[in-house]
């Protein structure tokens, strides 16, 4: 059965404050003049059906995750860090950290592994290029003759090949395997807004005993 549908829906999942403080949350509590909301450490309260929110398929596994939301001009708890802060020339501060486990299908899990391997492979390749670059520089300082062609290839491989292009691509690949769903923002009342497959919203709607709220507004 083809699960690729053009319509997407908006789902809301109820959250709660973490029962224990989360580690490594220093960025959350940095004093910033452009911060307008209380920093929050949140977790999934329940109510997530065992359906992949990306593809509407039965869940293959629950993927642990930790993601951040940012105090932007558009929303004080937005998943999009590239949006401008309240001062247009500033990076938005972290306003919320969310942790939990999210249902993903086999396709999502395999895709995440592939992107992770690609990102790690790029990082190792950049490390090898940097090591070779250092060796060539050291050899030149020691008086050894390094072929011009080799030196030029390493120079371009290091800059702009590794920095900044390679680093941006590697971080993009690793980011693709991060959040297990299309999180949008966290609203007042501790509701997580998710762009989800209609089958995920239908499963959420058909589970009256769950804590999760839902909407089914198609994009």
C-alpha atoms as a PDB file:
ATOM      1  CA  UNK A   1       0.000   0.000   0.000  1.00  0.00           C
ATOM      2  CA  UNK A   2       1.395   3.382  -1.010  1.00  0.00           C
ATOM      3  CA  UNK A   3       1.615   5.558   2.088  1.00  0.00           C
ATOM      4  CA  UNK A   4       2.904   8.675   0.354  1.00  0.00           C
ATOM      5  CA  UNK A   5       0.038  11.131   0.561  1.00  0.00           C
ATOM      6  CA  UNK A   6       0.114  14.763  -0.499  1.00  0.00           C
ATOM      7  CA  UNK A   7      -2.008  15.989   2.413  1.00  0.00           C
ATOM      8  CA  UNK A   8      -0.383  16.645   5.749  1.00  0.00           C
ATOM      9  CA  UNK A   9      -2.085  17.348   9.042  1.00  0.00           C
ATOM     10  CA  UNK A  10      -1.304  19.129  12.270  1.00  0.00           C
ATOM     11  CA  UNK A  11      -1.210  17.033  15.418  1.00  0.00           C
ATOM     12  CA  UNK A  12      -0.751  18.175  18.989  1.00  0.00           C
ATOM     13  CA  UNK A  13       0.873  16.070  21.680  1.00  0.00           C
ATOM     14  CA  UNK A  14       0.657  16.922  25.348  1.00  0.00           C
ATOM     15  CA  UNK A  15       3.913  17.549  27.201  1.00  0.00           C
ATOM     16  CA  UNK A  16       4.890  17.875  30.834  1.00  0.00           C
ATOM     17  CA  UNK A  17       7.805  19.280  32.763  1.00  0.00           C
ATOM     18  CA  UNK A  18      10.669  16.840  33.275  1.00  0.00           C
ATOM     19  CA  UNK A  19      10.575  15.127  36.636  1.00  0.00           C
ATOM     20  CA  UNK A  20      14.364  15.283  36.914  1.00  0.00           C
ATOM     21  CA  UNK A  21      16.698  18.075  35.716  1.00  0.00           C
ATOM     22  CA  UNK A  22      18.250  17.371  32.324  1.00  0.00           C
ATOM     23  CA  UNK A  23      22.040  17.322  31.874  1.00  0.00           C
ATOM     24  CA  UNK A  24      23.867  19.838  29.697  1.00  0.00           C
ATOM     25  CA  UNK A  25      21.250  22.596  29.719  1.00  0.00           C
ATOM     26  CA  UNK A  26      23.563  25.566  30.301  1.00  0.00           C
ATOM     27  CA  UNK A  27      22.496  27.222  27.042  1.00  0.00           C
ATOM     28  CA  UNK A  28      18.914  27.138  28.241  1.00  0.00           C
ATOM     29  CA  UNK A  29      19.610  29.404  31.176  1.00  0.00           C
ATOM     30  CA  UNK A  30      21.991  31.960  29.685  1.00  0.00           C
ATOM     31  CA  UNK A  31      20.789  35.467  30.485  1.00  0.00           C
ATOM     32  CA  UNK A  32      19.726  37.156  27.264  1.00  0.00           C
ATOM     33  CA  UNK A  33      17.937  40.511  26.962  1.00  0.00           C
ATOM     34  CA  UNK A  34      15.890  39.143  24.051  1.00  0.00           C
ATOM     35  CA  UNK A  35      14.527  36.170  26.004  1.00  0.00           C
ATOM     36  CA  UNK A  36      10.794  36.613  26.655  1.00  0.00           C
ATOM     37  CA  UNK A  37       9.637  33.209  27.915  1.00  0.00           C
ATOM     38  CA  UNK A  38      10.528  31.002  30.844  1.00  0.00           C
ATOM     39  CA  UNK A  39      13.102  28.314  29.977  1.00  0.00           C
ATOM     40  CA  UNK A  40      11.496  24.870  30.063  1.00  0.00           C
ATOM     41  CA  UNK A  41      12.718  21.271  30.236  1.00  0.00           C
ATOM     42  CA  UNK A  42       9.913  19.087  28.891  1.00  0.00           C
ATOM     43  CA  UNK A  43       9.132  15.463  28.102  1.00  0.00           C
ATOM     44  CA  UNK A  44       6.386  13.628  26.244  1.00  0.00           C
ATOM     45  CA  UNK A  45       3.449  13.130  28.608  1.00  0.00           C
ATOM     46  CA  UNK A  46       1.975  10.243  26.615  1.00  0.00           C
ATOM     47  CA  UNK A  47      -0.655   9.894  23.971  1.00  0.00           C
ATOM     48  CA  UNK A  48       1.624   9.131  21.019  1.00  0.00           C
ATOM     49  CA  UNK A  49       0.176   6.277  18.922  1.00  0.00           C
ATOM     50  CA  UNK A  50       2.529   3.582  17.663  1.00  0.00           C
ATOM     51  CA  UNK A  51       2.377   5.027  14.156  1.00  0.00           C
ATOM     52  CA  UNK A  52       5.139   6.838  12.275  1.00  0.00           C
ATOM     53  CA  UNK A  53       4.122  10.495  12.043  1.00  0.00           C
ATOM     54  CA  UNK A  54       6.160  10.947   8.848  1.00  0.00           C
ATOM     55  CA  UNK A  55       4.809   8.068   6.756  1.00  0.00           C
ATOM     56  CA  UNK A  56       1.742   6.740   8.577  1.00  0.00           C
ATOM     57  CA  UNK A  57       3.211   3.243   8.886  1.00  0.00           C
ATOM     58  CA  UNK A  58       3.295   0.992  11.927  1.00  0.00           C
ATOM     59  CA  UNK A  59       6.149   1.895  14.255  1.00  0.00           C
ATOM     60  CA  UNK A  60       9.320  -0.155  13.894  1.00  0.00           C
ATOM     61  CA  UNK A  61      10.890   1.191  17.081  1.00  0.00           C
ATOM     62  CA  UNK A  62      10.763   4.047  19.569  1.00  0.00           C
ATOM     63  CA  UNK A  63      13.667   6.398  18.887  1.00  0.00           C
ATOM     64  CA  UNK A  64      14.990   8.325  21.904  1.00  0.00           C
ATOM     65  CA  UNK A  65      15.491  11.983  21.080  1.00  0.00           C
ATOM     66  CA  UNK A  66      16.492  15.298  22.557  1.00  0.00           C
ATOM     67  CA  UNK A  67      15.681  18.469  20.657  1.00  0.00           C
ATOM     68  CA  UNK A  68      15.736  22.193  21.258  1.00  0.00           C
ATOM     69  CA  UNK A  69      13.267  24.987  20.571  1.00  0.00           C
ATOM     70  CA  UNK A  70      14.219  28.644  20.172  1.00  0.00           C
ATOM     71  CA  UNK A  71      12.871  32.035  21.173  1.00  0.00           C
ATOM     72  CA  UNK A  72      12.408  33.566  17.700  1.00  0.00           C
ATOM     73  CA  UNK A  73      10.514  36.547  16.335  1.00  0.00           C
ATOM     74  CA  UNK A  74       7.898  34.201  14.889  1.00  0.00           C
ATOM     75  CA  UNK A  75       7.328  32.021  17.967  1.00  0.00           C
ATOM     76  CA  UNK A  76       8.974  31.903  21.420  1.00  0.00           C
ATOM     77  CA  UNK A  77       9.340  28.111  21.287  1.00  0.00           C
ATOM     78  CA  UNK A  78      10.074  27.372  17.633  1.00  0.00           C
ATOM     79  CA  UNK A  79      11.854  24.286  16.316  1.00  0.00           C
ATOM     80  CA  UNK A  80      13.475  26.372  13.578  1.00  0.00           C
ATOM     81  CA  UNK A  81      16.770  27.733  14.855  1.00  0.00           C
ATOM     82  CA  UNK A  82      17.510  29.541  11.568  1.00  0.00           C
ATOM     83  CA  UNK A  83      14.714  32.044  12.227  1.00  0.00           C
ATOM     84  CA  UNK A  84      15.958  35.388  13.460  1.00  0.00           C
ATOM     85  CA  UNK A  85      15.950  36.286  17.107  1.00  0.00           C
ATOM     86  CA  UNK A  86      13.990  39.244  18.380  1.00  0.00           C
ATOM     87  CA  UNK A  87      16.935  41.374  17.345  1.00  0.00           C
ATOM     88  CA  UNK A  88      17.306  40.640  13.641  1.00  0.00           C
ATOM     89  CA  UNK A  89      21.092  40.302  13.777  1.00  0.00           C
ATOM     90  CA  UNK A  90      21.202  37.833  16.685  1.00  0.00           C
ATOM     91  CA  UNK A  91      20.949  34.073  17.007  1.00  0.00           C
ATOM     92  CA  UNK A  92      17.766  33.175  18.916  1.00  0.00           C
ATOM     93  CA  UNK A  93      18.303  31.817  22.435  1.00  0.00           C
ATOM     94  CA  UNK A  94      17.306  28.288  23.391  1.00  0.00           C
ATOM     95  CA  UNK A  95      13.949  28.451  25.180  1.00  0.00           C
ATOM     96  CA  UNK A  96      12.951  24.794  25.513  1.00  0.00           C
ATOM     97  CA  UNK A  97      14.580  21.372  25.637  1.00  0.00           C
ATOM     98  CA  UNK A  98      12.332  18.405  24.833  1.00  0.00           C
ATOM     99  CA  UNK A  99      13.212  14.750  25.444  1.00  0.00           C
ATOM    100  CA  UNK A 100      11.345  11.515  24.936  1.00  0.00           C
ATOM    101  CA  UNK A 101      10.925   8.501  22.665  1.00  0.00           C
ATOM    102  CA  UNK A 102       9.060   8.793  19.363  1.00  0.00           C
ATOM    103  CA  UNK A 103       7.627   6.029  17.147  1.00  0.00           C
ATOM    104  CA  UNK A 104       9.363   5.712  13.782  1.00  0.00           C
ATOM    105  CA  UNK A 105       8.876   3.248  10.944  1.00  0.00           C
ATOM    106  CA  UNK A 106      11.584   1.069   9.408  1.00  0.00           C
ATOM    107  CA  UNK A 107      11.998   3.538   6.546  1.00  0.00           C
ATOM    108  CA  UNK A 108      12.699   6.418   8.956  1.00  0.00           C
ATOM    109  CA  UNK A 109      15.090   4.319  11.028  1.00  0.00           C
ATOM    110  CA  UNK A 110      17.067   3.137   8.004  1.00  0.00           C
ATOM    111  CA  UNK A 111      17.154   6.670   6.612  1.00  0.00           C
ATOM    112  CA  UNK A 112      18.453   8.043   9.926  1.00  0.00           C
ATOM    113  CA  UNK A 113      21.219   5.422  10.002  1.00  0.00           C
ATOM    114  CA  UNK A 114      22.211   6.259   6.428  1.00  0.00           C
ATOM    115  CA  UNK A 115      22.409  10.001   7.102  1.00  0.00           C
ATOM    116  CA  UNK A 116      24.338   9.368  10.317  1.00  0.00           C
ATOM    117  CA  UNK A 117      26.882   7.220   8.481  1.00  0.00           C
ATOM    118  CA  UNK A 118      27.234   9.839   5.755  1.00  0.00           C
ATOM    119  CA  UNK A 119      27.813  12.592   8.312  1.00  0.00           C
ATOM    120  CA  UNK A 120      30.373  10.561  10.259  1.00  0.00           C
ATOM    121  CA  UNK A 121      32.148   9.520   7.040  1.00  0.00           C
ATOM    122  CA  UNK A 122      32.440  13.167   6.002  1.00  0.00           C
ATOM    123  CA  UNK A 123      33.883  14.096   9.396  1.00  0.00           C
ATOM    124  CA  UNK A 124      36.481  11.327   9.127  1.00  0.00           C
ATOM    125  CA  UNK A 125      37.339  12.418   5.579  1.00  0.00           C
ATOM    126  CA  UNK A 126      37.815  16.011   6.745  1.00  0.00           C
ATOM    127  CA  UNK A 127      40.019  14.805   9.595  1.00  0.00           C
ATOM    128  CA  UNK A 128      42.175  12.875   7.115  1.00  0.00           C
ATOM    129  CA  UNK A 129      42.436  15.924   4.840  1.00  0.00           C
ATOM    130  CA  UNK A 130      43.425  18.109   7.784  1.00  0.00           C
ATOM    131  CA  UNK A 131      46.084  15.594   8.880  1.00  0.00           C
ATOM    132  CA  UNK A 132      47.518  15.439   5.357  1.00  0.00           C
ATOM    133  CA  UNK A 133      47.448  19.242   5.160  1.00  0.00           C
ATOM    134  CA  UNK A 134      49.422  19.518   8.415  1.00  0.00           C
ATOM    135  CA  UNK A 135      51.949  16.917   7.220  1.00  0.00           C
ATOM    136  CA  UNK A 136      52.516  18.821   3.963  1.00  0.00           C
ATOM    137  CA  UNK A 137      52.988  22.110   5.822  1.00  0.00           C
ATOM    138  CA  UNK A 138      55.414  20.471   8.254  1.00  0.00           C
ATOM    139  CA  UNK A 139      57.312  18.907   5.371  1.00  0.00           C
ATOM    140  CA  UNK A 140      57.585  22.290   3.683  1.00  0.00           C
ATOM    141  CA  UNK A 141      58.910  23.899   6.848  1.00  0.00           C
ATOM    142  CA  UNK A 142      61.448  21.068   7.155  1.00  0.00           C
ATOM    143  CA  UNK A 143      62.744  21.822   3.673  1.00  0.00           C
ATOM    144  CA  UNK A 144      61.240  18.819   1.904  1.00  0.00           C
ATOM    145  CA  UNK A 145      60.079  19.344  -1.660  1.00  0.00           C
ATOM    146  CA  UNK A 146      56.342  18.868  -1.944  1.00  0.00           C
ATOM    147  CA  UNK A 147      54.921  18.627  -5.486  1.00  0.00           C
ATOM    148  CA  UNK A 148      52.952  21.772  -6.299  1.00  0.00           C
ATOM    149  CA  UNK A 149      50.030  19.723  -7.633  1.00  0.00           C
ATOM    150  CA  UNK A 150      49.744  17.785  -4.356  1.00  0.00           C
ATOM    151  CA  UNK A 151      49.949  20.959  -2.285  1.00  0.00           C
ATOM    152  CA  UNK A 152      47.288  22.725  -4.370  1.00  0.00           C
ATOM    153  CA  UNK A 153      44.918  19.755  -4.178  1.00  0.00           C
ATOM    154  CA  UNK A 154      45.272  19.629  -0.391  1.00  0.00           C
ATOM    155  CA  UNK A 155      44.798  23.383  -0.068  1.00  0.00           C
ATOM    156  CA  UNK A 156      41.528  23.316  -2.017  1.00  0.00           C
ATOM    157  CA  UNK A 157      40.427  20.135  -0.255  1.00  0.00           C
ATOM    158  CA  UNK A 158      40.930  21.877   3.079  1.00  0.00           C
ATOM    159  CA  UNK A 159      39.537  25.275   2.075  1.00  0.00           C
ATOM    160  CA  UNK A 160      36.858  25.593   0.894  1.00  0.00           C
ATOM    161  CA  UNK A 161      36.396  21.828   0.541  1.00  0.00           C
ATOM    162  CA  UNK A 162      36.413  20.863   4.216  1.00  0.00           C
ATOM    163  CA  UNK A 163      35.885  24.319   5.700  1.00  0.00           C
ATOM    164  CA  UNK A 164      33.243  25.507   5.287  1.00  0.00           C
ATOM    165  CA  UNK A 165      31.561  23.328   2.647  1.00  0.00           C
ATOM    166  CA  UNK A 166      32.354  19.898   4.094  1.00  0.00           C
ATOM    167  CA  UNK A 167      31.493  20.942   7.644  1.00  0.00           C
ATOM    168  CA  UNK A 168      28.139  22.413   6.585  1.00  0.00           C
ATOM    169  CA  UNK A 169      27.230  19.267   4.640  1.00  0.00           C
ATOM    170  CA  UNK A 170      28.321  16.975   7.494  1.00  0.00           C
ATOM    171  CA  UNK A 171      26.265  18.914  10.043  1.00  0.00           C
ATOM    172  CA  UNK A 172      23.305  18.896   7.654  1.00  0.00           C
ATOM    173  CA  UNK A 173      23.571  15.096   7.290  1.00  0.00           C
ATOM    174  CA  UNK A 174      23.769  14.617  11.060  1.00  0.00           C
ATOM    175  CA  UNK A 175      20.829  16.980  11.503  1.00  0.00           C
ATOM    176  CA  UNK A 176      18.746  14.811   9.155  1.00  0.00           C
ATOM    177  CA  UNK A 177      18.995  11.933  11.631  1.00  0.00           C
ATOM    178  CA  UNK A 178      18.142  14.074  14.664  1.00  0.00           C
ATOM    179  CA  UNK A 179      14.482  14.879  15.270  1.00  0.00           C
ATOM    180  CA  UNK A 180      12.267  11.825  14.575  1.00  0.00           C
ATOM    181  CA  UNK A 181       9.297  13.961  13.482  1.00  0.00           C
ATOM    182  CA  UNK A 182       8.494  17.321  11.924  1.00  0.00           C
ATOM    183  CA  UNK A 183       8.229  19.294  15.147  1.00  0.00           C
ATOM    184  CA  UNK A 184       7.008  22.864  14.706  1.00  0.00           C
ATOM    185  CA  UNK A 185       6.664  24.631  18.046  1.00  0.00           C
ATOM    186  CA  UNK A 186       5.493  24.271  21.647  1.00  0.00           C
ATOM    187  CA  UNK A 187       2.383  26.285  22.520  1.00  0.00           C
ATOM    188  CA  UNK A 188       1.066  27.518  25.842  1.00  0.00           C
ATOM    189  CA  UNK A 189      -0.495  24.666  27.746  1.00  0.00           C
ATOM    190  CA  UNK A 190       2.536  22.517  26.896  1.00  0.00           C
ATOM    191  CA  UNK A 191       1.236  21.277  23.558  1.00  0.00           C
ATOM    192  CA  UNK A 192       3.739  20.107  20.948  1.00  0.00           C
ATOM    193  CA  UNK A 193       2.694  20.941  17.376  1.00  0.00           C
ATOM    194  CA  UNK A 194       3.720  18.350  14.810  1.00  0.00           C
ATOM    195  CA  UNK A 195       3.224  18.227  11.054  1.00  0.00           C
ATOM    196  CA  UNK A 196       2.055  14.643  10.666  1.00  0.00           C
ATOM    197  CA  UNK A 197       0.700  12.061   8.252  1.00  0.00           C
ATOM    198  CA  UNK A 198      -3.135  11.834   8.213  1.00  0.00           C
ATOM    199  CA  UNK A 199      -2.960   8.211   9.399  1.00  0.00           C
ATOM    200  CA  UNK A 200      -1.035   9.322  12.481  1.00  0.00           C
ATOM    201  CA  UNK A 201      -3.712  11.910  13.278  1.00  0.00           C
ATOM    202  CA  UNK A 202      -6.446   9.335  12.689  1.00  0.00           C
ATOM    203  CA  UNK A 203      -4.784   6.949  15.139  1.00  0.00           C
ATOM    204  CA  UNK A 204      -4.464   9.785  17.641  1.00  0.00           C
ATOM    205  CA  UNK A 205      -8.122  10.705  17.210  1.00  0.00           C
ATOM    206  CA  UNK A 206      -9.226   7.081  17.574  1.00  0.00           C
ATOM    207  CA  UNK A 207      -7.530   6.672  20.955  1.00  0.00           C
ATOM    208  CA  UNK A 208      -9.830   8.450  23.439  1.00  0.00           C
ATOM    209  CA  UNK A 209      -7.974   7.030  26.419  1.00  0.00           C
ATOM    210  CA  UNK A 210      -4.747   8.772  25.505  1.00  0.00           C
ATOM    211  CA  UNK A 211      -3.559  12.085  26.901  1.00  0.00           C
ATOM    212  CA  UNK A 212      -2.571  13.540  23.538  1.00  0.00           C
ATOM    213  CA  UNK A 213      -4.686  16.211  21.906  1.00  0.00           C
ATOM    214  CA  UNK A 214      -5.043  16.394  18.148  1.00  0.00           C
ATOM    215  CA  UNK A 215      -6.088  18.476  15.201  1.00  0.00           C
ATOM    216  CA  UNK A 216      -6.442  17.427  11.581  1.00  0.00           C
ATOM    217  CA  UNK A 217      -6.028  20.611   9.585  1.00  0.00           C
ATOM    218  CA  UNK A 218      -4.552  19.789   6.188  1.00  0.00           C
ATOM    219  CA  UNK A 219      -1.821  22.030   4.815  1.00  0.00           C
END
